[in-house]
PDB file of N, CA and C in Angstrom:
ATOM      1  N   MET A   1      40.998 150.760  46.304  1.00  0.00           N
ATOM      2  CA  MET A   1      40.388 151.269  45.094  1.00  0.00           C
ATOM      3  C   MET A   1      41.262 152.390  44.535  1.00  0.00           C
ATOM      4  N   ARG A   2      41.476 152.345  43.263  1.00  0.00           N
ATOM      5  CA  ARG A   2      42.316 153.333  42.577  1.00  0.00           C
ATOM      6  C   ARG A   2      41.539 154.606  42.271  1.00  0.00           C
ATOM      7  N   ALA A   3      42.188 155.732  42.458  1.00  0.00           N
ATOM      8  CA  ALA A   3      41.542 157.011  42.127  1.00  0.00           C
ATOM      9  C   ALA A   3      41.457 157.170  40.616  1.00  0.00           C
ATOM     10  N   LEU A   4      40.349 157.651  40.164  1.00  0.00           N
ATOM     11  CA  LEU A   4      40.170 157.888  38.734  1.00  0.00           C
ATOM     12  C   LEU A   4      40.830 159.195  38.341  1.00  0.00           C
ATOM     13  N   THR A   5      41.579 159.160  37.275  1.00  0.00           N
ATOM     14  CA  THR A   5      42.155 160.393  36.749  1.00  0.00           C
ATOM     15  C   THR A   5      41.343 160.822  35.552  1.00  0.00           C
ATOM     16  N   ARG A   6      41.215 162.113  35.395  1.00  0.00           N
ATOM     17  CA  ARG A   6      40.433 162.650  34.289  1.00  0.00           C
ATOM     18  C   ARG A   6      41.313 163.615  33.519  1.00  0.00           C
ATOM     19  N   PRO A   7      42.017 163.127  32.506  1.00  0.00           N
ATOM     20  CA  PRO A   7      42.954 163.980  31.787  1.00  0.00           C
ATOM     21  C   PRO A   7      42.306 165.133  31.034  1.00  0.00           C
ATOM     22  N   PHE A   8      41.004 165.054  30.802  1.00  0.00           N
ATOM     23  CA  PHE A   8      40.355 166.139  30.070  1.00  0.00           C
ATOM     24  C   PHE A   8      40.018 167.314  30.981  1.00  0.00           C
ATOM     25  N   MET A   9      40.133 167.134  32.280  1.00  0.00           N
ATOM     26  CA  MET A   9      39.896 168.235  33.207  1.00  0.00           C
ATOM     27  C   MET A   9      41.166 169.076  33.297  1.00  0.00           C
ATOM     28  N   THR A  10      41.038 170.349  33.075  1.00  0.00           N
ATOM     29  CA  THR A  10      42.197 171.233  33.096  1.00  0.00           C
ATOM     30  C   THR A  10      41.891 172.467  33.925  1.00  0.00           C
ATOM     31  N   SER A  11      42.947 173.117  34.362  1.00  0.00           N
ATOM     32  CA  SER A  11      42.751 174.395  35.043  1.00  0.00           C
ATOM     33  C   SER A  11      42.682 175.483  33.970  1.00  0.00           C
ATOM     34  N   PRO A  12      41.984 176.558  34.248  1.00  0.00           N
ATOM     35  CA  PRO A  12      41.868 177.621  33.241  1.00  0.00           C
ATOM     36  C   PRO A  12      43.208 178.289  32.960  1.00  0.00           C
ATOM     37  N   MET A  13      43.384 178.739  31.744  1.00  0.00           N
ATOM     38  CA  MET A  13      44.568 179.496  31.348  1.00  0.00           C
ATOM     39  C   MET A  13      44.242 180.970  31.522  1.00  0.00           C
ATOM     40  N   ILE A  14      45.150 181.716  32.126  1.00  0.00           N
ATOM     41  CA  ILE A  14      44.975 183.153  32.306  1.00  0.00           C
ATOM     42  C   ILE A  14      45.976 183.873  31.404  1.00  0.00           C
ATOM     43  N   LEU A  15      45.477 184.789  30.593  1.00  0.00           N
ATOM     44  CA  LEU A  15      46.334 185.584  29.711  1.00  0.00           C
ATOM     45  C   LEU A  15      46.262 187.048  30.134  1.00  0.00           C
ATOM     46  N   TYR A  16      47.414 187.684  30.176  1.00  0.00           N
ATOM     47  CA  TYR A  16      47.503 189.118  30.420  1.00  0.00           C
ATOM     48  C   TYR A  16      47.827 189.767  29.085  1.00  0.00           C
ATOM     49  N   LEU A  17      46.928 190.608  28.613  1.00  0.00           N
ATOM     50  CA  LEU A  17      47.003 191.148  27.259  1.00  0.00           C
ATOM     51  C   LEU A  17      47.054 192.671  27.256  1.00  0.00           C
ATOM     52  N   HIS A  18      47.696 193.199  26.253  1.00  0.00           N
ATOM     53  CA  HIS A  18      47.623 194.630  25.953  1.00  0.00           C
ATOM     54  C   HIS A  18      46.871 194.728  24.638  1.00  0.00           C
ATOM     55  N   ALA A  19      45.657 195.223  24.680  1.00  0.00           N
ATOM     56  CA  ALA A  19      44.805 195.299  23.497  1.00  0.00           C
ATOM     57  C   ALA A  19      45.071 196.588  22.723  1.00  0.00           C
ATOM     58  N   LYS A  20      45.182 196.435  21.413  1.00  0.00           N
ATOM     59  CA  LYS A  20      45.364 197.580  20.525  1.00  0.00           C
ATOM     60  C   LYS A  20      44.276 197.515  19.448  1.00  0.00           C
ATOM     61  N   PRO A  21      43.203 198.283  19.623  1.00  0.00           N
ATOM     62  CA  PRO A  21      42.103 198.264  18.657  1.00  0.00           C
ATOM     63  C   PRO A  21      42.447 199.014  17.373  1.00  0.00           C
ATOM     64  N   ASN A  22      41.531 198.963  16.422  1.00  0.00           N
ATOM     65  CA  ASN A  22      41.640 199.630  15.120  1.00  0.00           C
ATOM     66  C   ASN A  22      42.795 199.096  14.277  1.00  0.00           C
ATOM     67  N   ALA A  23      43.126 197.835  14.424  1.00  0.00           N
ATOM     68  CA  ALA A  23      44.184 197.217  13.612  1.00  0.00           C
ATOM     69  C   ALA A  23      43.593 196.751  12.282  1.00  0.00           C
ATOM     70  N   ARG A  24      44.450 196.396  11.371  1.00  0.00           N
ATOM     71  CA  ARG A  24      43.971 195.885  10.068  1.00  0.00           C
ATOM     72  C   ARG A  24      43.408 194.485  10.186  1.00  0.00           C
ATOM     73  N   ARG A  25      43.986 193.699  11.114  1.00  0.00           N
ATOM     74  CA  ARG A  25      43.504 192.331  11.310  1.00  0.00           C
ATOM     75  C   ARG A  25      43.749 191.920  12.753  1.00  0.00           C
ATOM     76  N   ASN A  26      43.059 190.875  13.181  1.00  0.00           N
ATOM     77  CA  ASN A  26      43.240 190.347  14.527  1.00  0.00           C
ATOM     78  C   ASN A  26      44.532 189.550  14.576  1.00  0.00           C
ATOM     79  N   GLN A  27      45.311 189.781  15.622  1.00  0.00           N
ATOM     80  CA  GLN A  27      46.616 189.134  15.717  1.00  0.00           C
ATOM     81  C   GLN A  27      47.054 189.094  17.179  1.00  0.00           C
ATOM     82  N   LEU A  28      47.671 187.980  17.587  1.00  0.00           N
ATOM     83  CA  LEU A  28      48.223 187.840  18.932  1.00  0.00           C
ATOM     84  C   LEU A  28      49.739 187.733  18.809  1.00  0.00           C
ATOM     85  N   LEU A  29      50.449 188.640  19.495  1.00  0.00           N
ATOM     86  CA  LEU A  29      51.906 188.709  19.402  1.00  0.00           C
ATOM     87  C   LEU A  29      52.519 188.798  20.796  1.00  0.00           C
ATOM     88  N   PRO A  30      53.722 188.261  20.978  1.00  0.00           N
ATOM     89  CA  PRO A  30      54.381 188.429  22.280  1.00  0.00           C
ATOM     90  C   PRO A  30      54.843 189.864  22.459  1.00  0.00           C
ATOM     91  N   GLY A  31      54.673 190.384  23.667  1.00  0.00           N
ATOM     92  CA  GLY A  31      55.115 191.742  23.980  1.00  0.00           C
ATOM     93  C   GLY A  31      56.457 191.724  24.682  1.00  0.00           C
ATOM     94  N   SER A  32      57.101 192.847  24.731  1.00  0.00           N
ATOM     95  CA  SER A  32      58.421 192.935  25.344  1.00  0.00           C
ATOM     96  C   SER A  32      58.368 192.876  26.869  1.00  0.00           C
ATOM     97  N   ASP A  33      57.207 193.156  27.463  1.00  0.00           N
ATOM     98  CA  ASP A  33      57.095 193.179  28.924  1.00  0.00           C
ATOM     99  C   ASP A  33      56.521 191.896  29.514  1.00  0.00           C
ATOM    100  N   GLY A  34      56.418 190.838  28.728  1.00  0.00           N
ATOM    101  CA  GLY A  34      55.878 189.577  29.217  1.00  0.00           C
ATOM    102  C   GLY A  34      54.391 189.412  28.968  1.00  0.00           C
ATOM    103  N   ARG A  35      53.716 190.492  28.670  1.00  0.00           N
ATOM    104  CA  ARG A  35      52.299 190.405  28.290  1.00  0.00           C
ATOM    105  C   ARG A  35      52.220 190.053  26.811  1.00  0.00           C
ATOM    106  N   TRP A  36      51.053 189.626  26.421  1.00  0.00           N
ATOM    107  CA  TRP A  36      50.791 189.408  25.002  1.00  0.00           C
ATOM    108  C   TRP A  36      50.103 190.648  24.459  1.00  0.00           C
ATOM    109  N   VAL A  37      50.453 191.027  23.239  1.00  0.00           N
ATOM    110  CA  VAL A  37      49.807 192.145  22.558  1.00  0.00           C
ATOM    111  C   VAL A  37      48.787 191.548  21.606  1.00  0.00           C
ATOM    112  N   VAL A  38      47.564 192.025  21.696  1.00  0.00           N
ATOM    113  CA  VAL A  38      46.529 191.559  20.781  1.00  0.00           C
ATOM    114  C   VAL A  38      46.048 192.753  19.968  1.00  0.00           C
ATOM    115  N   ARG A  39      46.215 192.644  18.674  1.00  0.00           N
ATOM    116  CA  ARG A  39      45.728 193.674  17.752  1.00  0.00           C
ATOM    117  C   ARG A  39      44.331 193.260  17.310  1.00  0.00           C
ATOM    118  N   LEU A  40      43.416 194.198  17.370  1.00  0.00           N
ATOM    119  CA  LEU A  40      42.016 193.894  17.082  1.00  0.00           C
ATOM    120  C   LEU A  40      41.474 194.779  15.972  1.00  0.00           C
ATOM    121  N   ALA A  41      40.803 194.150  15.030  1.00  0.00           N
ATOM    122  CA  ALA A  41      40.199 194.864  13.908  1.00  0.00           C
ATOM    123  C   ALA A  41      38.801 195.333  14.292  1.00  0.00           C
ATOM    124  N   ALA A  42      38.749 196.129  15.359  1.00  0.00           N
ATOM    125  CA  ALA A  42      37.477 196.680  15.837  1.00  0.00           C
ATOM    126  C   ALA A  42      37.776 197.957  16.605  1.00  0.00           C
ATOM    127  N   PRO A  43      36.841 198.885  16.593  1.00  0.00           N
ATOM    128  CA  PRO A  43      37.046 200.122  17.359  1.00  0.00           C
ATOM    129  C   PRO A  43      36.777 199.898  18.848  1.00  0.00           C
ATOM    130  N   PRO A  44      37.397 200.704  19.704  1.00  0.00           N
ATOM    131  CA  PRO A  44      37.154 200.576  21.143  1.00  0.00           C
ATOM    132  C   PRO A  44      35.901 201.347  21.560  1.00  0.00           C
ATOM    133  N   HIS A  45      34.804 201.037  20.934  1.00  0.00           N
ATOM    134  CA  HIS A  45      33.567 201.792  21.133  1.00  0.00           C
ATOM    135  C   HIS A  45      32.457 200.843  21.562  1.00  0.00           C
ATOM    136  N   GLU A  46      31.837 201.124  22.695  1.00  0.00           N
ATOM    137  CA  GLU A  46      30.684 200.364  23.191  1.00  0.00           C
ATOM    138  C   GLU A  46      30.946 198.860  23.264  1.00  0.00           C
ATOM    139  N   GLY A  47      32.156 198.471  23.661  1.00  0.00           N
ATOM    140  CA  GLY A  47      32.475 197.061  23.849  1.00  0.00           C
ATOM    141  C   GLY A  47      32.741 196.265  22.587  1.00  0.00           C
ATOM    142  N   GLN A  48      32.807 196.930  21.437  1.00  0.00           N
ATOM    143  CA  GLN A  48      33.031 196.202  20.185  1.00  0.00           C
ATOM    144  C   GLN A  48      34.375 195.476  20.186  1.00  0.00           C
ATOM    145  N   ALA A  49      35.426 196.143  20.653  1.00  0.00           N
ATOM    146  CA  ALA A  49      36.750 195.519  20.670  1.00  0.00           C
ATOM    147  C   ALA A  49      36.776 194.339  21.645  1.00  0.00           C
ATOM    148  N   ASN A  50      36.098 194.452  22.781  1.00  0.00           N
ATOM    149  CA  ASN A  50      36.053 193.342  23.729  1.00  0.00           C
ATOM    150  C   ASN A  50      35.341 192.134  23.131  1.00  0.00           C
ATOM    151  N   ALA A  51      34.257 192.361  22.424  1.00  0.00           N
ATOM    152  CA  ALA A  51      33.525 191.261  21.785  1.00  0.00           C
ATOM    153  C   ALA A  51      34.393 190.580  20.734  1.00  0.00           C
ATOM    154  N   VAL A  52      35.107 191.371  19.942  1.00  0.00           N
ATOM    155  CA  VAL A  52      36.002 190.811  18.924  1.00  0.00           C
ATOM    156  C   VAL A  52      37.147 190.059  19.599  1.00  0.00           C
ATOM    157  N   LEU A  53      37.664 190.599  20.691  1.00  0.00           N
ATOM    158  CA  LEU A  53      38.741 189.941  21.428  1.00  0.00           C
ATOM    159  C   LEU A  53      38.331 188.548  21.881  1.00  0.00           C
ATOM    160  N   LEU A  54      37.184 188.431  22.521  1.00  0.00           N
ATOM    161  CA  LEU A  54      36.738 187.134  23.037  1.00  0.00           C
ATOM    162  C   LEU A  54      36.462 186.142  21.918  1.00  0.00           C
ATOM    163  N   ALA A  55      35.847 186.596  20.837  1.00  0.00           N
ATOM    164  CA  ALA A  55      35.584 185.713  19.694  1.00  0.00           C
ATOM    165  C   ALA A  55      36.890 185.279  19.023  1.00  0.00           C
ATOM    166  N   PHE A  56      37.825 186.204  18.879  1.00  0.00           N
ATOM    167  CA  PHE A  56      39.123 185.900  18.269  1.00  0.00           C
ATOM    168  C   PHE A  56      39.879 184.863  19.089  1.00  0.00           C
ATOM    169  N   LEU A  57      39.935 185.050  20.410  1.00  0.00           N
ATOM    170  CA  LEU A  57      40.652 184.093  21.261  1.00  0.00           C
ATOM    171  C   LEU A  57      39.983 182.724  21.256  1.00  0.00           C
ATOM    172  N   ALA A  58      38.660 182.686  21.253  1.00  0.00           N
ATOM    173  CA  ALA A  58      37.944 181.410  21.192  1.00  0.00           C
ATOM    174  C   ALA A  58      38.305 180.663  19.907  1.00  0.00           C
ATOM    175  N   ASP A  59      38.313 181.376  18.797  1.00  0.00           N
ATOM    176  CA  ASP A  59      38.662 180.765  17.514  1.00  0.00           C
ATOM    177  C   ASP A  59      40.128 180.331  17.489  1.00  0.00           C
ATOM    178  N   LEU A  60      41.010 181.186  17.977  1.00  0.00           N
ATOM    179  CA  LEU A  60      42.446 180.898  17.971  1.00  0.00           C
ATOM    180  C   LEU A  60      42.782 179.667  18.807  1.00  0.00           C
ATOM    181  N   PHE A  61      42.168 179.547  19.981  1.00  0.00           N
ATOM    182  CA  PHE A  61      42.463 178.431  20.880  1.00  0.00           C
ATOM    183  C   PHE A  61      41.556 177.223  20.647  1.00  0.00           C
ATOM    184  N   GLY A  62      40.583 177.357  19.754  1.00  0.00           N
ATOM    185  CA  GLY A  62      39.717 176.224  19.412  1.00  0.00           C
ATOM    186  C   GLY A  62      38.769 175.833  20.530  1.00  0.00           C
ATOM    187  N   VAL A  63      38.253 176.818  21.246  1.00  0.00           N
ATOM    188  CA  VAL A  63      37.289 176.557  22.318  1.00  0.00           C
ATOM    189  C   VAL A  63      36.007 177.325  22.016  1.00  0.00           C
ATOM    190  N   PRO A  64      34.892 176.941  22.641  1.00  0.00           N
ATOM    191  CA  PRO A  64      33.653 177.703  22.438  1.00  0.00           C
ATOM    192  C   PRO A  64      33.779 179.108  23.025  1.00  0.00           C
ATOM    193  N   LYS A  65      32.990 180.028  22.500  1.00  0.00           N
ATOM    194  CA  LYS A  65      33.029 181.416  22.985  1.00  0.00           C
ATOM    195  C   LYS A  65      32.731 181.505  24.479  1.00  0.00           C
ATOM    196  N   ARG A  66      31.884 180.624  24.963  1.00  0.00           N
ATOM    197  CA  ARG A  66      31.537 180.661  26.394  1.00  0.00           C
ATOM    198  C   ARG A  66      32.715 180.271  27.282  1.00  0.00           C
ATOM    199  N   ALA A  67      33.776 179.690  26.714  1.00  0.00           N
ATOM    200  CA  ALA A  67      34.951 179.282  27.485  1.00  0.00           C
ATOM    201  C   ALA A  67      35.954 180.416  27.664  1.00  0.00           C
ATOM    202  N   VAL A  68      35.705 181.557  27.028  1.00  0.00           N
ATOM    203  CA  VAL A  68      36.615 182.706  27.113  1.00  0.00           C
ATOM    204  C   VAL A  68      35.900 183.825  27.865  1.00  0.00           C
ATOM    205  N   GLN A  69      36.521 184.278  28.940  1.00  0.00           N
ATOM    206  CA  GLN A  69      35.877 185.284  29.796  1.00  0.00           C
ATOM    207  C   GLN A  69      36.848 186.419  30.091  1.00  0.00           C
ATOM    208  N   LEU A  70      36.362 187.635  29.951  1.00  0.00           N
ATOM    209  CA  LEU A  70      37.138 188.827  30.291  1.00  0.00           C
ATOM    210  C   LEU A  70      37.010 189.060  31.791  1.00  0.00           C
ATOM    211  N   LEU A  71      38.124 188.900  32.524  1.00  0.00           N
ATOM    212  CA  LEU A  71      38.103 189.039  33.974  1.00  0.00           C
ATOM    213  C   LEU A  71      38.286 190.484  34.421  1.00  0.00           C
ATOM    214  N   SER A  72      39.150 191.215  33.729  1.00  0.00           N
ATOM    215  CA  SER A  72      39.362 192.622  34.071  1.00  0.00           C
ATOM    216  C   SER A  72      39.830 193.371  32.842  1.00  0.00           C
ATOM    217  N   GLY A  73      39.675 194.694  32.900  1.00  0.00           N
ATOM    218  CA  GLY A  73      40.087 195.534  31.784  1.00  0.00           C
ATOM    219  C   GLY A  73      38.976 195.826  30.806  1.00  0.00           C
ATOM    220  N   HIS A  74      37.750 195.835  31.274  1.00  0.00           N
ATOM    221  CA  HIS A  74      36.612 196.057  30.380  1.00  0.00           C
ATOM    222  C   HIS A  74      36.684 197.397  29.649  1.00  0.00           C
ATOM    223  N   THR A  75      37.259 198.404  30.282  1.00  0.00           N
ATOM    224  CA  THR A  75      37.360 199.719  29.639  1.00  0.00           C
ATOM    225  C   THR A  75      38.802 200.198  29.543  1.00  0.00           C
ATOM    226  N   ALA A  76      39.748 199.295  29.710  1.00  0.00           N
ATOM    227  CA  ALA A  76      41.173 199.649  29.682  1.00  0.00           C
ATOM    228  C   ALA A  76      41.900 198.807  28.640  1.00  0.00           C
ATOM    229  N   PRO A  77      43.067 199.253  28.178  1.00  0.00           N
ATOM    230  CA  PRO A  77      43.802 198.460  27.190  1.00  0.00           C
ATOM    231  C   PRO A  77      44.457 197.220  27.784  1.00  0.00           C
ATOM    232  N   PHE A  78      44.710 197.205  29.092  1.00  0.00           N
ATOM    233  CA  PHE A  78      45.325 196.037  29.714  1.00  0.00           C
ATOM    234  C   PHE A  78      44.232 195.117  30.218  1.00  0.00           C
ATOM    235  N   LYS A  79      44.236 193.889  29.736  1.00  0.00           N
ATOM    236  CA  LYS A  79      43.141 192.959  29.986  1.00  0.00           C
ATOM    237  C   LYS A  79      43.655 191.671  30.616  1.00  0.00           C
ATOM    238  N   LYS A  80      42.786 191.058  31.398  1.00  0.00           N
ATOM    239  CA  LYS A  80      43.048 189.749  31.983  1.00  0.00           C
ATOM    240  C   LYS A  80      41.924 188.839  31.488  1.00  0.00           C
ATOM    241  N   VAL A  81      42.303 187.775  30.775  1.00  0.00           N
ATOM    242  CA  VAL A  81      41.329 186.896  30.135  1.00  0.00           C
ATOM    243  C   VAL A  81      41.548 185.464  30.614  1.00  0.00           C
ATOM    244  N   GLU A  82      40.447 184.782  30.891  1.00  0.00           N
ATOM    245  CA  GLU A  82      40.493 183.376  31.290  1.00  0.00           C
ATOM    246  C   GLU A  82      39.971 182.520  30.149  1.00  0.00           C
ATOM    247  N   ILE A  83      40.719 181.451  29.831  1.00  0.00           N
ATOM    248  CA  ILE A  83      40.296 180.495  28.805  1.00  0.00           C
ATOM    249  C   ILE A  83      40.164 179.138  29.477  1.00  0.00           C
ATOM    250  N   SER A  84      38.961 178.570  29.452  1.00  0.00           N
ATOM    251  CA  SER A  84      38.678 177.280  30.085  1.00  0.00           C
ATOM    252  C   SER A  84      38.576 176.179  29.035  1.00  0.00           C
ATOM    253  N   GLY A  85      38.688 174.940  29.495  1.00  0.00           N
ATOM    254  CA  GLY A  85      38.482 173.794  28.623  1.00  0.00           C
ATOM    255  C   GLY A  85      39.624 173.521  27.675  1.00  0.00           C
ATOM    256  N   LEU A  86      40.822 173.901  28.083  1.00  0.00           N
ATOM    257  CA  LEU A  86      41.992 173.773  27.223  1.00  0.00           C
ATOM    258  C   LEU A  86      43.105 173.113  28.025  1.00  0.00           C
ATOM    259  N   SER A  87      43.752 172.110  27.460  1.00  0.00           N
ATOM    260  CA  SER A  87      44.870 171.493  28.168  1.00  0.00           C
ATOM    261  C   SER A  87      46.061 172.440  28.162  1.00  0.00           C
ATOM    262  N   ASP A  88      46.944 172.271  29.136  1.00  0.00           N
ATOM    263  CA  ASP A  88      48.137 173.116  29.208  1.00  0.00           C
ATOM    264  C   ASP A  88      48.965 172.987  27.930  1.00  0.00           C
ATOM    265  N   GLU A  89      49.063 171.773  27.410  1.00  0.00           N
ATOM    266  CA  GLU A  89      49.854 171.532  26.200  1.00  0.00           C
ATOM    267  C   GLU A  89      49.256 172.232  24.988  1.00  0.00           C
ATOM    268  N   ALA A  90      47.935 172.168  24.862  1.00  0.00           N
ATOM    269  CA  ALA A  90      47.276 172.809  23.720  1.00  0.00           C
ATOM    270  C   ALA A  90      47.421 174.329  23.804  1.00  0.00           C
ATOM    271  N   GLY A  91      47.261 174.884  24.989  1.00  0.00           N
ATOM    272  CA  GLY A  91      47.425 176.325  25.172  1.00  0.00           C
ATOM    273  C   GLY A  91      48.841 176.777  24.868  1.00  0.00           C
ATOM    274  N   ALA A  92      49.825 176.015  25.358  1.00  0.00           N
ATOM    275  CA  ALA A  92      51.230 176.349  25.104  1.00  0.00           C
ATOM    276  C   ALA A  92      51.555 176.254  23.620  1.00  0.00           C
ATOM    277  N   ALA A  93      50.963 175.288  22.925  1.00  0.00           N
ATOM    278  CA  ALA A  93      51.213 175.132  21.488  1.00  0.00           C
ATOM    279  C   ALA A  93      50.681 176.326  20.703  1.00  0.00           C
ATOM    280  N   VAL A  94      49.509 176.818  21.074  1.00  0.00           N
ATOM    281  CA  VAL A  94      48.944 177.983  20.386  1.00  0.00           C
ATOM    282  C   VAL A  94      49.825 179.199  20.631  1.00  0.00           C
ATOM    283  N   LEU A  95      50.240 179.412  21.870  1.00  0.00           N
ATOM    284  CA  LEU A  95      51.084 180.568  22.182  1.00  0.00           C
ATOM    285  C   LEU A  95      52.440 180.473  21.491  1.00  0.00           C
ATOM    286  N   ALA A  96      52.990 179.274  21.410  1.00  0.00           N
ATOM    287  CA  ALA A  96      54.260 179.089  20.714  1.00  0.00           C
ATOM    288  C   ALA A  96      54.118 179.412  19.231  1.00  0.00           C
ATOM    289  N   ARG A  97      52.999 178.987  18.648  1.00  0.00           N
ATOM    290  CA  ARG A  97      52.744 179.272  17.238  1.00  0.00           C
ATOM    291  C   ARG A  97      52.614 180.769  17.004  1.00  0.00           C
ATOM    292  N   CYS A  98      51.944 181.461  17.917  1.00  0.00           N
ATOM    293  CA  CYS A  98      51.798 182.919  17.789  1.00  0.00           C
ATOM    294  C   CYS A  98      53.135 183.617  17.968  1.00  0.00           C
ATOM    295  N   GLY A  99      53.946 183.147  18.903  1.00  0.00           N
ATOM    296  CA  GLY A  99      55.256 183.733  19.142  1.00  0.00           C
ATOM    297  C   GLY A  99      56.216 183.490  17.999  1.00  0.00           C
ATOM    298  N   ALA A 100      56.139 182.323  17.386  1.00  0.00           N
ATOM    299  CA  ALA A 100      57.019 181.992  16.261  1.00  0.00           C
ATOM    300  C   ALA A 100      56.663 182.803  15.020  1.00  0.00           C
ATOM    301  N   GLY A 101      55.383 183.143  14.886  1.00  0.00           N
ATOM    302  CA  GLY A 101      54.942 183.908  13.735  1.00  0.00           C
ATOM    303  C   GLY A 101      55.284 185.383  13.817  1.00  0.00           C
ATOM    304  N   ALA A 102      55.757 185.823  14.991  1.00  0.00           N
ATOM    305  CA  ALA A 102      56.040 187.235  15.192  1.00  0.00           C
ATOM    306  C   ALA A 102      57.379 187.636  14.635  1.00  0.00           C
ATOM    307  N   GLY A 103      58.300 186.711  14.542  1.00  0.00           N
ATOM    308  CA  GLY A 103      59.659 187.078  14.162  1.00  0.00           C
ATOM    309  C   GLY A 103      59.975 187.016  12.754  1.00  0.00           C
TER     310      GLY A 103
END
């Protein structure tokens, strides 16, 4: 009997981000240290920037909000975020598009 493959099953994508709140608009850019810089149009007050971050990433990667989870950095600028339900190719395409738009 042949094993069934399920191409829609993917491993979660982990992003290491440097969040910069109080920006004019939400934007994801490559950083010089290998992390991604995310500019957020929200203040870092009472979790507002974190909420905007998760909603922005969900919209950017085309996944539901419940698929984006803040793993660490709840009160710090350096964040670790998990994005589920995304193929490796789709995730790489979004990051490439963000990186190409930076230059």
